[in-house]
N, C-alpha and C. Protein backbone atom coordinates (compact mmCIF):
# COMPACT_ATOMS: atom_id res chain seq x y z
N MET A 1 80.91 -129.43 26.23
CA MET A 1 80.67 -128.04 25.88
C MET A 1 79.34 -127.94 25.17
N SER A 2 78.67 -126.87 25.45
CA SER A 2 77.39 -126.66 24.79
C SER A 2 77.62 -126.01 23.42
N GLY A 3 76.57 -125.92 22.66
CA GLY A 3 76.65 -125.31 21.34
C GLY A 3 77.02 -123.83 21.38
N TRP A 4 76.76 -123.18 22.51
CA TRP A 4 77.10 -121.76 22.63
C TRP A 4 78.60 -121.55 22.53
N TRP A 5 79.40 -122.49 23.04
CA TRP A 5 80.85 -122.33 22.96
C TRP A 5 81.33 -122.42 21.52
N TYR A 6 80.73 -123.30 20.73
CA TYR A 6 81.09 -123.40 19.31
C TYR A 6 80.67 -122.14 18.57
N PHE A 7 79.51 -121.61 18.91
CA PHE A 7 79.04 -120.36 18.29
C PHE A 7 79.97 -119.22 18.66
N LEU A 8 80.43 -119.18 19.90
CA LEU A 8 81.34 -118.14 20.34
C LEU A 8 82.66 -118.20 19.57
N GLY A 9 83.08 -119.41 19.19
CA GLY A 9 84.30 -119.55 18.40
C GLY A 9 84.16 -119.02 16.99
N LEU A 10 82.94 -118.93 16.48
CA LEU A 10 82.72 -118.42 15.13
C LEU A 10 82.71 -116.90 15.08
N VAL A 11 82.44 -116.27 16.20
CA VAL A 11 82.44 -114.81 16.28
C VAL A 11 83.90 -114.37 16.44
N PRO A 12 84.37 -113.36 15.69
CA PRO A 12 85.79 -112.98 15.75
C PRO A 12 86.29 -112.69 17.17
N PHE A 13 85.55 -111.94 17.94
CA PHE A 13 85.97 -111.64 19.31
C PHE A 13 85.89 -112.88 20.19
N GLY A 14 84.95 -113.76 19.88
CA GLY A 14 84.75 -114.97 20.67
C GLY A 14 85.94 -115.91 20.60
N GLY A 15 86.63 -115.94 19.47
CA GLY A 15 87.82 -116.77 19.35
C GLY A 15 88.89 -116.38 20.35
N LEU A 16 89.06 -115.09 20.56
CA LEU A 16 90.03 -114.60 21.54
C LEU A 16 89.62 -115.02 22.95
N VAL A 17 88.34 -114.93 23.24
CA VAL A 17 87.85 -115.34 24.56
C VAL A 17 88.11 -116.82 24.78
N LEU A 18 87.88 -117.64 23.77
CA LEU A 18 88.11 -119.08 23.90
C LEU A 18 89.58 -119.40 24.08
N ILE A 19 90.47 -118.70 23.39
CA ILE A 19 91.90 -118.94 23.55
C ILE A 19 92.33 -118.64 24.98
N VAL A 20 91.86 -117.53 25.52
CA VAL A 20 92.20 -117.18 26.91
C VAL A 20 91.64 -118.22 27.86
N TRP A 21 90.42 -118.68 27.60
CA TRP A 21 89.78 -119.66 28.48
C TRP A 21 90.50 -121.00 28.43
N TYR A 22 90.89 -121.45 27.24
CA TYR A 22 91.59 -122.72 27.10
C TYR A 22 93.00 -122.65 27.69
N ALA A 23 93.65 -121.49 27.63
CA ALA A 23 95.02 -121.36 28.11
C ALA A 23 95.11 -121.08 29.61
N SER A 24 94.00 -120.77 30.24
CA SER A 24 94.03 -120.48 31.67
C SER A 24 94.24 -121.76 32.47
N PRO A 25 94.92 -121.67 33.61
CA PRO A 25 95.18 -122.86 34.41
C PRO A 25 93.90 -123.43 35.01
N GLY A 26 93.90 -124.71 35.22
CA GLY A 26 92.73 -125.37 35.81
C GLY A 26 92.77 -125.32 37.33
N THR A 27 92.00 -126.17 37.94
CA THR A 27 91.96 -126.21 39.40
C THR A 27 93.21 -126.90 39.92
N THR A 28 93.66 -126.48 41.10
CA THR A 28 94.86 -127.07 41.69
C THR A 28 94.52 -128.26 42.58
N SER A 29 93.28 -128.38 43.00
CA SER A 29 92.88 -129.49 43.85
C SER A 29 92.46 -130.69 43.00
N PRO A 30 92.47 -131.89 43.58
CA PRO A 30 92.03 -133.07 42.83
C PRO A 30 90.58 -132.92 42.37
N ASN A 31 90.27 -133.45 41.21
CA ASN A 31 88.91 -133.38 40.70
C ASN A 31 88.43 -134.78 40.36
N ARG A 32 87.37 -134.92 39.62
CA ARG A 32 86.81 -136.24 39.34
C ARG A 32 87.70 -137.10 38.45
N TYR A 33 88.70 -136.50 37.82
CA TYR A 33 89.62 -137.25 36.97
C TYR A 33 90.89 -137.66 37.72
N GLY A 34 91.03 -137.25 38.96
CA GLY A 34 92.20 -137.60 39.76
C GLY A 34 93.05 -136.38 40.07
N ALA A 35 94.18 -136.64 40.73
CA ALA A 35 95.07 -135.55 41.12
C ALA A 35 95.87 -135.05 39.91
N ARG A 36 96.36 -133.81 40.02
CA ARG A 36 97.21 -133.25 38.96
C ARG A 36 98.54 -133.97 38.93
N ILE A 37 99.11 -134.04 37.78
CA ILE A 37 100.42 -134.70 37.63
C ILE A 37 101.51 -133.66 37.76
């Protein structure tokens, strides 16, 4: 993550955006870390 994401977490509205982003589902296809469990 870049520094902008940490800055966004310090802004009151930005915290809500980060919570939604972290709670959203990831990709369903395999990625560089392997297949989903």
